[in-house]
Amino acid sequence: MALDRLAPEDAGWSHDTEGPDDMPAHVKTMLTTTSLQIPFMKGELMLGTWQAIYLIEHRTSPHRREIVLQFVGAAG
């Protein structure tokens, strides 16, 4: 809801080439991250008790998305 308040579809955007959710999706992407680094140790993500990973789709209609995982570091 917070992102919808910051970038509503009915804000009168001039860029809407792919539909009314086009420009709001671009603004929401600028406000959120597009990559994430998480420590990984002994086969587990090193997340805190209340931490989680969320994937957010900013477009109204479904789109095919890919997630790329890259592991960097020494095996141990």
Protein backbone atom coordinates (compact mmCIF):
# COMPACT_ATOMS: atom_id res chain seq x y z
CA MET A 1 0.00 0.00 0.00
CA ALA A 2 2.89 2.37 0.73
CA LEU A 3 4.30 2.02 -2.79
CA ASP A 4 0.82 2.52 -4.29
CA ARG A 5 0.55 5.82 -2.37
CA LEU A 6 3.96 6.96 -3.66
CA ALA A 7 3.32 5.92 -7.29
CA PRO A 8 -0.43 5.57 -7.96
CA GLU A 9 -1.65 4.47 -11.39
CA ASP A 10 -4.04 7.43 -11.60
CA ALA A 11 -1.36 10.12 -11.07
CA GLY A 12 -1.58 11.38 -14.65
CA TRP A 13 1.73 9.97 -15.86
CA SER A 14 2.77 10.94 -19.38
CA HIS A 15 4.61 7.65 -19.96
CA ASP A 16 2.16 4.74 -20.25
CA THR A 17 3.38 2.92 -23.37
CA GLU A 18 2.70 -0.54 -21.96
CA GLY A 19 -0.46 0.35 -20.04
CA PRO A 20 -1.53 2.38 -17.00
CA ASP A 21 0.80 0.45 -14.67
CA ASP A 22 3.89 1.20 -16.81
CA MET A 23 5.23 4.38 -15.17
CA PRO A 24 4.11 3.50 -11.61
CA ALA A 25 6.06 0.23 -11.99
CA HIS A 26 9.19 2.16 -13.04
CA VAL A 27 8.93 4.49 -10.03
CA LYS A 28 8.33 1.59 -7.62
CA THR A 29 11.40 -0.18 -9.05
CA MET A 30 13.49 2.94 -8.35
CA LEU A 31 12.27 2.91 -4.74
CA THR A 32 13.08 -0.76 -4.15
CA THR A 33 16.22 -2.79 -4.73
CA THR A 34 16.88 -4.98 -7.76
CA SER A 35 19.61 -7.09 -6.20
CA LEU A 36 20.34 -8.58 -2.82
CA GLN A 37 23.41 -9.98 -1.09
CA ILE A 38 22.92 -12.45 1.76
CA PRO A 39 25.65 -14.27 3.65
CA PHE A 40 25.45 -18.06 3.29
CA MET A 41 27.15 -20.39 5.77
CA LYS A 42 27.05 -24.17 6.26
CA GLY A 43 24.21 -24.59 3.76
CA GLU A 44 21.97 -21.90 5.27
CA LEU A 45 21.12 -18.30 4.55
CA MET A 46 22.32 -16.11 7.37
CA LEU A 47 19.05 -14.22 7.92
CA GLY A 48 18.02 -12.77 11.26
CA THR A 49 15.02 -14.05 13.20
CA TRP A 50 12.55 -11.62 11.61
CA GLN A 51 14.24 -11.27 8.22
CA ALA A 52 12.86 -12.70 4.97
CA ILE A 53 13.29 -12.33 1.23
CA TYR A 54 10.41 -10.88 -0.78
CA LEU A 55 9.89 -10.78 -4.53
CA ILE A 56 7.68 -7.86 -5.55
CA GLU A 57 5.87 -7.59 -8.87
CA HIS A 58 5.12 -3.92 -9.58
CA ARG A 59 2.97 -4.54 -12.65
CA THR A 60 -0.77 -5.22 -12.42
CA SER A 61 -0.82 -8.04 -14.97
CA PRO A 62 1.39 -11.11 -14.46
CA HIS A 63 4.76 -11.20 -16.19
CA ARG A 64 7.31 -13.97 -16.54
CA ARG A 65 10.31 -13.19 -14.33
CA GLU A 66 13.62 -14.95 -13.71
CA ILE A 67 15.63 -15.06 -10.52
CA VAL A 68 19.39 -15.38 -10.83
CA LEU A 69 21.35 -16.81 -7.91
CA GLN A 70 25.08 -16.31 -7.77
CA PHE A 71 27.25 -17.76 -5.04
CA VAL A 72 30.55 -15.99 -4.42
CA GLY A 73 33.24 -17.14 -2.02
CA ALA A 74 35.23 -20.09 -0.90
CA ALA A 75 33.75 -23.52 -0.27
CA GLY A 76 34.33 -24.55 3.25
